Structures are given as C-alpha cells and as structure tokens.
Amino acid sequence: MAAPQIRDIGALDDELLVERMRRGDEAAFEALYERYFKRIALFVGRRVDNRADAEETVQEVFINVFSSIQSYRGDAPFVAWVFGLTRRTIASRYKRRQHPVVSIEDEDIASSAPHPAAPSSLPSPDEMYDCRERADALASALAEKLSDEQREVFRLHHLEERSIAEIALALGKSEDSVKSHLYRTRKLLLAP
C-alpha cells in the first residue's frame, strides 16, 4: 500500500522534508526554501554590504543546501545546519574576493619612484565578517541572557565609564553587589 499523500507539503517538519529531498522530491526543497528564505536573506543582508552580493550569497546558500543535503546527519536541528552552512558560505565569499586593483596611472607613479607600500589601516573582509559575528553574538547575549539590572550595571560601567562606587551609589547597592553583577555579566557575555 502506498504512503498517503499529504496535500500541503509545507506542513511537514524539517526532518521529513529533508528525507523527501534526499529522495529527489523537488517540492520538499521548495518547501524548505520558502520556509527559510526570509531568515537567511535577513541574516546575509546584515553581513554583506552590497545588495547584489547579498542576493547572490543567498542563492549560493540554497545551492549549497541542495548539493550537500546528504551530509546533514540530523545531530542538530536542520535550521542550525542551514545557518552554519550560511556562515561558511559568507566566509568563503569573503575569501574569494579579488584583491584591490591598482590603476595604470598609479602603477606608472609607483614604478618611477620605488617606495615601501604603506600598510592598510582598513580591516580585511574576513576581519569585518568576524567583527560583525562577534557584535551580533554580543548584542544577542545582551538582549537574551542578561537581566535588566545586569544590563544597567554593564552600561554604566563599560559605556558611561563610571566607577563601581558611583554605580553602587546610583543604584543603591553595595560595591560588592555591583562587582558581582559585573562578573556574572562578563561571564555570560563571554560564554561561547
């Protein structure tokens, strides 16, 4: 007896869609694409400056999902695997970027008067990507892991550069309490 047909394939959970996709079911891939397209596009858009590059990157992510679906083991939720693949796709695009092009005029000047190249003070694309990843993780930790009181102590000490004594006085707490809040906050923010 054949398996019953499901009218709305999009109602299936990720693992069933993955299994169907592995068997070549294009509708399963389309359902996963529709389910995750907006989230992936937002994620990529925050990390890639150029809109055209962001759109290409999103398409490359889904090509990678399609071509490497056999490697998904199911150890973690499918969405985590997709976002890991997205991060690797973005990083690989940064690594493939061409080096800056020097115009012919600059080359003529450079060849007539030899001088050492000045080091660039701008971060590399890899450094920019890593920085964005760390900033996003920090912002997420600030929003999700910290209490209002911990956020306030963190803001006063690290952003307004107030001393522990000033914070204790402003919040009506002991200095040991403020130190304890700062310690726990740092521990939460630095957790992997």
N, C-alpha and C. Protein backbone atom coordinates (compact mmCIF):
# COMPACT_ATOMS: atom_id res chain seq x y z
N MET A 1 0.84 -1.17 0.00
CA MET A 1 0.00 0.00 0.00
C MET A 1 0.90 1.24 0.00
N ALA A 2 0.60 2.20 -0.83
CA ALA A 2 1.39 3.43 -0.96
C ALA A 2 1.15 4.33 0.24
N ALA A 3 2.17 5.12 0.55
CA ALA A 3 2.05 6.08 1.65
C ALA A 3 1.02 7.14 1.27
N PRO A 4 0.22 7.59 2.24
CA PRO A 4 -0.79 8.60 1.93
C PRO A 4 -0.12 9.90 1.47
N GLN A 5 -0.76 10.55 0.51
CA GLN A 5 -0.26 11.82 0.00
C GLN A 5 -0.65 12.93 0.97
N ILE A 6 0.26 13.83 1.21
CA ILE A 6 -0.01 14.98 2.07
C ILE A 6 -0.28 16.15 1.16
N ARG A 7 -1.42 16.78 1.35
CA ARG A 7 -1.81 17.89 0.48
C ARG A 7 -0.83 19.05 0.56
N ASP A 8 -0.54 19.49 1.77
CA ASP A 8 0.32 20.65 1.94
C ASP A 8 1.68 20.18 2.44
N ILE A 9 2.62 20.04 1.52
CA ILE A 9 3.95 19.55 1.87
C ILE A 9 4.65 20.50 2.84
N GLY A 10 4.32 21.79 2.78
CA GLY A 10 4.92 22.77 3.67
C GLY A 10 4.56 22.56 5.13
N ALA A 11 3.55 21.75 5.42
CA ALA A 11 3.15 21.48 6.79
C ALA A 11 4.03 20.42 7.44
N LEU A 12 4.86 19.72 6.66
CA LEU A 12 5.74 18.70 7.20
C LEU A 12 6.87 19.33 7.99
N ASP A 13 7.40 18.58 8.97
CA ASP A 13 8.53 19.14 9.71
C ASP A 13 9.80 19.01 8.88
N ASP A 14 10.85 19.69 9.32
CA ASP A 14 12.09 19.77 8.56
C ASP A 14 12.68 18.40 8.24
N GLU A 15 12.69 17.51 9.23
CA GLU A 15 13.33 16.21 9.03
C GLU A 15 12.63 15.39 7.94
N LEU A 16 11.31 15.45 7.90
CA LEU A 16 10.58 14.74 6.84
C LEU A 16 10.85 15.37 5.48
N LEU A 17 10.91 16.69 5.44
CA LEU A 17 11.22 17.38 4.18
C LEU A 17 12.63 17.03 3.72
N VAL A 18 13.58 16.95 4.64
CA VAL A 18 14.95 16.59 4.29
C VAL A 18 14.99 15.19 3.70
N GLU A 19 14.30 14.25 4.34
CA GLU A 19 14.28 12.89 3.82
C GLU A 19 13.67 12.84 2.42
N ARG A 20 12.59 13.57 2.20
CA ARG A 20 11.97 13.61 0.87
C ARG A 20 12.90 14.27 -0.13
N MET A 21 13.60 15.30 0.31
CA MET A 21 14.54 16.00 -0.57
C MET A 21 15.69 15.07 -0.97
N ARG A 22 16.16 14.28 -0.06
CA ARG A 22 17.23 13.32 -0.35
C ARG A 22 16.81 12.30 -1.41
N ARG A 23 15.52 12.03 -1.46
CA ARG A 23 14.99 11.10 -2.47
C ARG A 23 14.66 11.80 -3.78
N GLY A 24 14.99 13.10 -3.87
CA GLY A 24 14.80 13.83 -5.12
C GLY A 24 13.48 14.57 -5.24
N ASP A 25 12.77 14.75 -4.15
CA ASP A 25 11.48 15.44 -4.19
C ASP A 25 11.71 16.95 -4.26
N GLU A 26 11.49 17.53 -5.43
CA GLU A 26 11.70 18.97 -5.62
C GLU A 26 10.75 19.80 -4.77
N ALA A 27 9.55 19.32 -4.56
CA ALA A 27 8.57 20.06 -3.75
C ALA A 27 9.06 20.20 -2.32
N ALA A 28 9.79 19.20 -1.82
CA ALA A 28 10.34 19.28 -0.45
C ALA A 28 11.40 20.38 -0.39
N PHE A 29 12.26 20.45 -1.42
CA PHE A 29 13.26 21.52 -1.44
C PHE A 29 12.57 22.88 -1.50
N GLU A 30 11.57 23.01 -2.34
CA GLU A 30 10.84 24.28 -2.46
C GLU A 30 10.20 24.67 -1.13
N ALA A 31 9.67 23.69 -0.41
CA ALA A 31 9.05 23.98 0.89
C ALA A 31 10.10 24.49 1.89
N LEU A 32 11.27 23.85 1.90
CA LEU A 32 12.34 24.30 2.79
C LEU A 32 12.85 25.68 2.37
N TYR A 33 12.95 25.90 1.07
CA TYR A 33 13.38 27.20 0.54
C TYR A 33 12.41 28.28 1.01
N GLU A 34 11.13 28.06 0.84
CA GLU A 34 10.13 29.05 1.26
C GLU A 34 10.15 29.26 2.77
N ARG A 35 10.39 28.20 3.51
CA ARG A 35 10.39 28.28 4.98
C ARG A 35 11.56 29.12 5.50
N TYR A 36 12.72 29.02 4.86
CA TYR A 36 13.92 29.66 5.39
C TYR A 36 14.45 30.83 4.58
N PHE A 37 13.89 31.11 3.42
CA PHE A 37 14.42 32.15 2.55
C PHE A 37 14.52 33.50 3.26
N LYS A 38 13.45 33.96 3.88
CA LYS A 38 13.46 35.29 4.51
C LYS A 38 14.48 35.37 5.63
N ARG A 39 14.56 34.34 6.45
CA ARG A 39 15.50 34.36 7.57
C ARG A 39 16.94 34.39 7.08
N ILE A 40 17.23 33.58 6.06
CA ILE A 40 18.59 33.54 5.51
C ILE A 40 18.91 34.87 4.84
N ALA A 41 17.95 35.42 4.09
CA ALA A 41 18.17 36.70 3.40
C ALA A 41 18.45 37.82 4.41
N LEU A 42 17.72 37.85 5.52
CA LEU A 42 17.98 38.86 6.56
C LEU A 42 19.35 38.67 7.19
N PHE A 43 19.68 37.43 7.48
CA PHE A 43 20.96 37.10 8.09
C PHE A 43 22.11 37.53 7.18
N VAL A 44 22.02 37.19 5.91
CA VAL A 44 23.07 37.53 4.95
C VAL A 44 23.11 39.04 4.74
N GLY A 45 21.94 39.68 4.63
CA GLY A 45 21.87 41.11 4.38
C GLY A 45 22.55 41.93 5.45
N ARG A 46 22.56 41.43 6.70
CA ARG A 46 23.22 42.15 7.79
C ARG A 46 24.74 41.99 7.74
N ARG A 47 25.21 41.03 6.96
CA ARG A 47 26.65 40.75 6.95
C ARG A 47 27.33 41.10 5.63
N VAL A 48 26.55 41.29 4.59
CA VAL A 48 27.11 41.60 3.28
C VAL A 48 26.61 42.98 2.88
N ASP A 49 27.55 43.90 2.64
CA ASP A 49 27.21 45.29 2.39
C ASP A 49 26.45 45.53 1.09
N ASN A 50 26.85 44.90 0.03
CA ASN A 50 26.28 45.13 -1.29
C ASN A 50 25.04 44.26 -1.50
N ARG A 51 23.94 44.87 -1.92
CA ARG A 51 22.68 44.12 -2.08
C ARG A 51 22.80 43.01 -3.11
N ALA A 52 23.46 43.30 -4.23
CA ALA A 52 23.62 42.28 -5.27
C ALA A 52 24.43 41.10 -4.73
N ASP A 53 25.51 41.39 -3.98
CA ASP A 53 26.31 40.32 -3.38
C ASP A 53 25.47 39.53 -2.37
N ALA A 54 24.64 40.22 -1.62
CA ALA A 54 23.78 39.54 -0.64
C ALA A 54 22.82 38.58 -1.34
N GLU A 55 22.21 39.05 -2.43
CA GLU A 55 21.27 38.19 -3.17
C GLU A 55 21.99 36.98 -3.76
N GLU A 56 23.18 37.19 -4.31
CA GLU A 56 23.96 36.07 -4.84
C GLU A 56 24.34 35.09 -3.73
N THR A 57 24.68 35.64 -2.58
CA THR A 57 25.08 34.79 -1.46
C THR A 57 23.90 33.93 -0.99
N VAL A 58 22.72 34.51 -0.92
CA VAL A 58 21.53 33.75 -0.51
C VAL A 58 21.29 32.60 -1.49
N GLN A 59 21.39 32.90 -2.78
CA GLN A 59 21.20 31.84 -3.77
C GLN A 59 22.27 30.77 -3.64
N GLU A 60 23.50 31.19 -3.38
CA GLU A 60 24.59 30.24 -3.20
C GLU A 60 24.34 29.36 -1.97
N VAL A 61 23.78 29.96 -0.92
CA VAL A 61 23.46 29.18 0.29
C VAL A 61 22.49 28.05 -0.07
N PHE A 62 21.43 28.38 -0.81
CA PHE A 62 20.45 27.34 -1.13
C PHE A 62 20.98 26.33 -2.13
N ILE A 63 21.89 26.74 -3.00
CA ILE A 63 22.55 25.77 -3.87
C ILE A 63 23.38 24.82 -3.01
N ASN A 64 24.06 25.38 -2.01
CA ASN A 64 24.86 24.55 -1.10
C ASN A 64 23.96 23.62 -0.28
N VAL A 65 22.81 24.11 0.15
CA VAL A 65 21.88 23.25 0.89
C VAL A 65 21.47 22.07 0.00
N PHE A 66 21.10 22.36 -1.22
CA PHE A 66 20.65 21.33 -2.15
C PHE A 66 21.77 20.34 -2.44
N SER A 67 22.96 20.86 -2.72
CA SER A 67 24.05 19.97 -3.14
C SER A 67 24.68 19.19 -1.98
N SER A 68 24.52 19.66 -0.75
CA SER A 68 25.16 18.96 0.37
C SER A 68 24.15 18.38 1.35
N ILE A 69 22.91 18.24 0.94
CA ILE A 69 21.88 17.72 1.85
C ILE A 69 22.21 16.32 2.37
N GLN A 70 22.97 15.55 1.57
CA GLN A 70 23.33 14.20 2.02
C GLN A 70 24.25 14.24 3.24
N SER A 71 24.96 15.36 3.43
CA SER A 71 25.88 15.46 4.57
C SER A 71 25.17 15.84 5.87
N TYR A 72 23.90 16.25 5.79
CA TYR A 72 23.17 16.60 7.01
C TYR A 72 22.88 15.30 7.77
N ARG A 73 23.44 15.21 8.99
CA ARG A 73 23.32 13.99 9.79
C ARG A 73 22.14 14.00 10.76
N GLY A 74 21.60 15.17 11.02
CA GLY A 74 20.49 15.25 11.96
C GLY A 74 20.92 15.34 13.41
N ASP A 75 22.21 15.57 13.66
CA ASP A 75 22.70 15.70 15.04
C ASP A 75 22.15 16.96 15.71
N ALA A 76 21.93 17.99 14.90
CA ALA A 76 21.40 19.27 15.38
C ALA A 76 20.16 19.59 14.55
N PRO A 77 19.34 20.52 14.98
CA PRO A 77 18.18 20.89 14.17
C PRO A 77 18.62 21.35 12.78
N PHE A 78 17.79 21.09 11.80
CA PHE A 78 18.09 21.45 10.42
C PHE A 78 18.39 22.93 10.28
N VAL A 79 17.64 23.78 10.99
CA VAL A 79 17.85 25.22 10.89
C VAL A 79 19.26 25.59 11.34
N ALA A 80 19.80 24.93 12.36
CA ALA A 80 21.16 25.21 12.81
C ALA A 80 22.17 24.81 11.73
N TRP A 81 21.92 23.69 11.07
CA TRP A 81 22.79 23.25 9.98
C TRP A 81 22.76 24.26 8.83
N VAL A 82 21.58 24.75 8.49
CA VAL A 82 21.43 25.72 7.41
C VAL A 82 22.18 27.02 7.75
N PHE A 83 22.05 27.49 8.99
CA PHE A 83 22.74 28.72 9.37
C PHE A 83 24.25 28.52 9.44
N GLY A 84 24.70 27.35 9.84
CA GLY A 84 26.14 27.05 9.81
C GLY A 84 26.65 27.06 8.37
N LEU A 85 25.89 26.48 7.47
CA LEU A 85 26.23 26.48 6.05
C LEU A 85 26.24 27.92 5.51
N THR A 86 25.30 28.73 5.99
CA THR A 86 25.23 30.13 5.57
C THR A 86 26.48 30.88 6.02
N ARG A 87 26.89 30.68 7.27
CA ARG A 87 28.10 31.34 7.76
C ARG A 87 29.32 30.94 6.94
N ARG A 88 29.44 29.64 6.64
CA ARG A 88 30.58 29.18 5.85
C ARG A 88 30.54 29.74 4.43
N THR A 89 29.35 29.85 3.87
CA THR A 89 29.21 30.41 2.52
C THR A 89 29.65 31.87 2.50
N ILE A 90 29.22 32.64 3.49
CA ILE A 90 29.62 34.05 3.57
C ILE A 90 31.13 34.15 3.72
N ALA A 91 31.70 33.36 4.61
CA ALA A 91 33.15 33.41 4.84
C ALA A 91 33.90 33.04 3.57
N SER A 92 33.42 32.06 2.85
CA SER A 92 34.13 31.65 1.63
C SER A 92 34.02 32.72 0.55
N ARG A 93 32.90 33.44 0.51
CA ARG A 93 32.78 34.54 -0.46
C ARG A 93 33.78 35.64 -0.14
N TYR A 94 33.98 35.94 1.14
CA TYR A 94 34.96 36.95 1.52
C TYR A 94 36.37 36.51 1.11
N LYS A 95 36.66 35.24 1.30
CA LYS A 95 37.99 34.74 0.96
C LYS A 95 38.23 34.75 -0.54
N ARG A 96 37.18 34.57 -1.34
CA ARG A 96 37.33 34.53 -2.80
C ARG A 96 37.39 35.91 -3.43
N ARG A 97 37.06 36.95 -2.66
CA ARG A 97 37.06 38.30 -3.23
C ARG A 97 38.40 38.63 -3.85
N GLN A 98 38.34 39.39 -4.91
CA GLN A 98 39.57 39.78 -5.60
C GLN A 98 40.33 40.79 -4.76
N HIS A 99 41.62 40.81 -4.98
CA HIS A 99 42.45 41.81 -4.32
C HIS A 99 42.21 43.15 -4.99
N PRO A 100 42.47 44.25 -4.30
CA PRO A 100 42.25 45.56 -4.89
C PRO A 100 43.05 45.73 -6.18
N VAL A 101 42.44 46.38 -7.15
CA VAL A 101 43.09 46.63 -8.43
C VAL A 101 43.75 47.99 -8.39
N VAL A 102 44.98 48.06 -8.88
CA VAL A 102 45.72 49.31 -8.94
C VAL A 102 45.59 49.85 -10.36
N SER A 103 45.23 51.11 -10.49
CA SER A 103 45.08 51.68 -11.82
C SER A 103 46.43 51.82 -12.49
N ILE A 104 46.42 51.91 -13.81
CA ILE A 104 47.65 52.04 -14.58
C ILE A 104 48.40 53.30 -14.19
N GLU A 105 47.67 54.39 -13.96
CA GLU A 105 48.32 55.64 -13.57
C GLU A 105 49.08 55.47 -12.27
N ASP A 106 48.48 54.82 -11.29
CA ASP A 106 49.16 54.58 -10.02
C ASP A 106 50.37 53.69 -10.22
N GLU A 107 50.26 52.73 -11.14
CA GLU A 107 51.36 51.82 -11.40
C GLU A 107 52.54 52.57 -12.02
N ASP A 108 52.26 53.51 -12.93
CA ASP A 108 53.32 54.31 -13.54
C ASP A 108 54.07 55.11 -12.48
N ILE A 109 53.33 55.72 -11.57
CA ILE A 109 53.93 56.51 -10.49
C ILE A 109 54.76 55.61 -9.60
N ALA A 110 54.21 54.45 -9.27
CA ALA A 110 54.90 53.53 -8.38
C ALA A 110 56.18 53.01 -9.01
N SER A 111 56.19 52.77 -10.32
CA SER A 111 57.38 52.23 -10.95
C SER A 111 58.48 53.27 -11.10
N SER A 112 58.12 54.56 -11.16
CA SER A 112 59.13 55.61 -11.32
C SER A 112 59.81 55.96 -10.00
N ALA A 113 59.14 55.80 -8.91
CA ALA A 113 59.73 56.14 -7.61
C ALA A 113 59.47 55.01 -6.63
N PRO A 114 60.44 54.12 -6.45
CA PRO A 114 60.21 52.99 -5.54
C PRO A 114 60.08 53.45 -4.09
N HIS A 115 59.09 52.95 -3.44
CA HIS A 115 58.89 53.24 -2.02
C HIS A 115 58.12 52.08 -1.39
N PRO A 116 58.32 51.85 -0.12
CA PRO A 116 57.61 50.74 0.52
C PRO A 116 56.11 51.02 0.57
N ALA A 117 55.35 49.96 0.39
CA ALA A 117 53.89 50.09 0.44
C ALA A 117 53.46 50.38 1.87
N ALA A 118 52.55 51.32 2.01
CA ALA A 118 52.03 51.67 3.33
C ALA A 118 51.06 50.60 3.78
N PRO A 119 51.13 50.18 5.02
CA PRO A 119 50.18 49.18 5.50
C PRO A 119 48.78 49.76 5.52
N SER A 120 47.82 48.91 5.21
CA SER A 120 46.43 49.34 5.18
C SER A 120 45.88 49.41 6.60
N SER A 121 45.18 50.49 6.88
CA SER A 121 44.57 50.62 8.20
C SER A 121 43.14 50.09 8.20
N LEU A 122 42.64 49.73 7.02
CA LEU A 122 41.28 49.19 6.92
C LEU A 122 41.29 47.70 7.22
N PRO A 123 40.27 47.22 7.90
CA PRO A 123 40.22 45.78 8.17
C PRO A 123 39.94 45.00 6.89
N SER A 124 40.41 43.76 6.86
CA SER A 124 40.16 42.90 5.72
C SER A 124 38.69 42.44 5.76
N PRO A 125 38.17 41.92 4.64
CA PRO A 125 36.79 41.40 4.66
C PRO A 125 36.60 40.31 5.71
N ASP A 126 37.61 39.46 5.89
CA ASP A 126 37.49 38.41 6.92
C ASP A 126 37.37 39.02 8.31
N GLU A 127 38.20 40.05 8.57
CA GLU A 127 38.14 40.72 9.87
C GLU A 127 36.79 41.41 10.06
N MET A 128 36.26 42.02 9.00
CA MET A 128 34.94 42.67 9.07
C MET A 128 33.87 41.64 9.40
N TYR A 129 33.92 40.49 8.74
CA TYR A 129 32.94 39.42 8.97
C TYR A 129 33.03 38.93 10.41
N ASP A 130 34.26 38.65 10.88
CA ASP A 130 34.43 38.18 12.25
C ASP A 130 33.92 39.21 13.25
N CYS A 131 34.20 40.47 12.99
CA CYS A 131 33.75 41.54 13.88
C CYS A 131 32.23 41.60 13.92
N ARG A 132 31.58 41.50 12.77
CA ARG A 132 30.10 41.50 12.73
C ARG A 132 29.53 40.31 13.48
N GLU A 133 30.16 39.14 13.31
CA GLU A 133 29.70 37.94 14.01
C GLU A 133 29.79 38.14 15.52
N ARG A 134 30.93 38.69 15.99
CA ARG A 134 31.10 38.92 17.44
C ARG A 134 30.12 39.96 17.94
N ALA A 135 29.91 41.02 17.15
CA ALA A 135 28.96 42.07 17.56
C ALA A 135 27.55 41.52 17.64
N ASP A 136 27.17 40.68 16.66
CA ASP A 136 25.83 40.08 16.68
C ASP A 136 25.66 39.15 17.89
N ALA A 137 26.70 38.37 18.18
CA ALA A 137 26.63 37.46 19.33
C ALA A 137 26.53 38.25 20.63
N LEU A 138 27.28 39.34 20.73
CA LEU A 138 27.23 40.18 21.92
C LEU A 138 25.87 40.84 22.08
N ALA A 139 25.33 41.38 20.99
CA ALA A 139 24.01 42.00 21.05
C ALA A 139 22.94 40.99 21.44
N SER A 140 23.05 39.79 20.90
CA SER A 140 22.09 38.73 21.24
C SER A 140 22.19 38.36 22.72
N ALA A 141 23.42 38.24 23.21
CA ALA A 141 23.61 37.91 24.63
C ALA A 141 23.08 39.03 25.51
N LEU A 142 23.33 40.27 25.14
CA LEU A 142 22.82 41.41 25.91
C LEU A 142 21.30 41.36 25.99
N ALA A 143 20.66 41.04 24.89
CA ALA A 143 19.20 41.06 24.83
C ALA A 143 18.56 39.85 25.50
N GLU A 144 19.19 38.68 25.38
CA GLU A 144 18.54 37.44 25.80
C GLU A 144 19.01 36.89 27.14
N LYS A 145 20.25 37.09 27.49
CA LYS A 145 20.80 36.41 28.67
C LYS A 145 20.87 37.28 29.92
N LEU A 146 20.85 38.60 29.75
CA LEU A 146 21.05 39.47 30.90
C LEU A 146 19.74 40.01 31.45
N SER A 147 19.72 40.17 32.75
CA SER A 147 18.57 40.82 33.39
C SER A 147 18.67 42.33 33.15
N ASP A 148 17.59 43.04 33.41
CA ASP A 148 17.62 44.50 33.25
C ASP A 148 18.69 45.12 34.14
N GLU A 149 18.81 44.60 35.36
CA GLU A 149 19.79 45.14 36.30
C GLU A 149 21.22 44.90 35.81
N GLN A 150 21.48 43.71 35.26
CA GLN A 150 22.81 43.42 34.73
C GLN A 150 23.14 44.33 33.54
N ARG A 151 22.15 44.53 32.67
CA ARG A 151 22.35 45.43 31.52
C ARG A 151 22.68 46.84 31.98
N GLU A 152 21.97 47.31 33.02
CA GLU A 152 22.18 48.66 33.54
C GLU A 152 23.58 48.80 34.14
N VAL A 153 24.01 47.83 34.92
CA VAL A 153 25.34 47.87 35.51
C VAL A 153 26.40 47.85 34.41
N PHE A 154 26.20 46.99 33.42
CA PHE A 154 27.13 46.92 32.28
C PHE A 154 27.22 48.26 31.55
N ARG A 155 26.05 48.86 31.28
CA ARG A 155 26.00 50.14 30.56
C ARG A 155 26.74 51.23 31.35
N LEU A 156 26.44 51.31 32.64
CA LEU A 156 27.05 52.35 33.45
C LEU A 156 28.57 52.19 33.54
N HIS A 157 29.02 50.96 33.71
CA HIS A 157 30.46 50.75 33.90
C HIS A 157 31.24 50.80 32.59
N HIS A 158 30.74 50.12 31.55
CA HIS A 158 31.53 49.98 30.33
C HIS A 158 31.23 51.05 29.28
N LEU A 159 30.03 51.58 29.26
CA LEU A 159 29.70 52.58 28.25
C LEU A 159 29.82 54.00 28.79
N GLU A 160 29.38 54.20 30.02
CA GLU A 160 29.48 55.53 30.63
C GLU A 160 30.75 55.68 31.47
N GLU A 161 31.50 54.59 31.60
CA GLU A 161 32.79 54.57 32.29
C GLU A 161 32.70 55.08 33.73
N ARG A 162 31.65 54.69 34.42
CA ARG A 162 31.51 55.07 35.82
C ARG A 162 32.23 54.06 36.71
N SER A 163 32.70 54.53 37.84
CA SER A 163 33.39 53.64 38.78
C SER A 163 32.36 52.77 39.49
N ILE A 164 32.87 51.73 40.12
CA ILE A 164 32.00 50.81 40.86
C ILE A 164 31.33 51.55 42.02
N ALA A 165 32.06 52.44 42.66
CA ALA A 165 31.49 53.21 43.77
C ALA A 165 30.35 54.10 43.27
N GLU A 166 30.53 54.75 42.12
CA GLU A 166 29.47 55.60 41.56
C GLU A 166 28.23 54.78 41.20
N ILE A 167 28.44 53.61 40.63
CA ILE A 167 27.31 52.75 40.25
C ILE A 167 26.57 52.29 41.49
N ALA A 168 27.31 51.88 42.51
CA ALA A 168 26.70 51.43 43.77
C ALA A 168 25.84 52.53 44.36
N LEU A 169 26.35 53.74 44.35
CA LEU A 169 25.61 54.88 44.89
C LEU A 169 24.36 55.16 44.05
N ALA A 170 24.51 55.16 42.74
CA ALA A 170 23.38 55.46 41.85
C ALA A 170 22.27 54.41 41.94
N LEU A 171 22.65 53.15 42.13
CA LEU A 171 21.65 52.07 42.16
C LEU A 171 21.24 51.66 43.57
N GLY A 172 21.87 52.26 44.58
CA GLY A 172 21.52 51.91 45.97
C GLY A 172 21.94 50.50 46.32
N LYS A 173 23.09 50.06 45.81
CA LYS A 173 23.59 48.70 46.06
C LYS A 173 24.96 48.81 46.70
N SER A 174 25.42 47.70 47.23
CA SER A 174 26.78 47.68 47.77
C SER A 174 27.77 47.53 46.62
N GLU A 175 29.00 47.92 46.86
CA GLU A 175 30.03 47.79 45.84
C GLU A 175 30.26 46.32 45.50
N ASP A 176 30.18 45.43 46.50
CA ASP A 176 30.33 44.00 46.25
C ASP A 176 29.22 43.49 45.33
N SER A 177 28.01 43.99 45.52
CA SER A 177 26.89 43.59 44.67
C SER A 177 27.13 44.02 43.22
N VAL A 178 27.63 45.24 43.03
CA VAL A 178 27.92 45.74 41.68
C VAL A 178 29.02 44.90 41.05
N LYS A 179 30.08 44.60 41.82
CA LYS A 179 31.17 43.76 41.30
C LYS A 179 30.65 42.38 40.90
N SER A 180 29.77 41.84 41.72
CA SER A 180 29.18 40.54 41.43
C SER A 180 28.38 40.57 40.14
N HIS A 181 27.57 41.62 39.97
CA HIS A 181 26.79 41.77 38.73
C HIS A 181 27.72 41.88 37.52
N LEU A 182 28.77 42.66 37.64
CA LEU A 182 29.71 42.81 36.52
C LEU A 182 30.39 41.48 36.19
N TYR A 183 30.78 40.75 37.22
CA TYR A 183 31.42 39.45 37.00
C TYR A 183 30.49 38.50 36.26
N ARG A 184 29.24 38.37 36.75
CA ARG A 184 28.28 37.47 36.12
C ARG A 184 27.95 37.91 34.70
N THR A 185 27.86 39.22 34.50
CA THR A 185 27.56 39.76 33.17
C THR A 185 28.68 39.42 32.20
N ARG A 186 29.90 39.66 32.61
CA ARG A 186 31.04 39.34 31.73
C ARG A 186 31.08 37.85 31.41
N LYS A 187 30.82 37.05 32.41
CA LYS A 187 30.83 35.60 32.22
C LYS A 187 29.77 35.18 31.19
N LEU A 188 28.57 35.76 31.28
CA LEU A 188 27.52 35.45 30.32
C LEU A 188 27.86 35.95 28.92
N LEU A 189 28.44 37.12 28.84
CA LEU A 189 28.75 37.70 27.53
C LEU A 189 29.92 37.00 26.84
N LEU A 190 30.83 36.46 27.61
CA LEU A 190 31.98 35.79 27.03
C LEU A 190 31.76 34.31 26.81
N ALA A 191 30.61 33.79 27.26
CA ALA A 191 30.31 32.37 27.07
C ALA A 191 30.15 32.09 25.58
N PRO A 192 30.63 30.92 25.10
CA PRO A 192 30.51 30.59 23.67
C PRO A 192 29.09 30.40 23.22
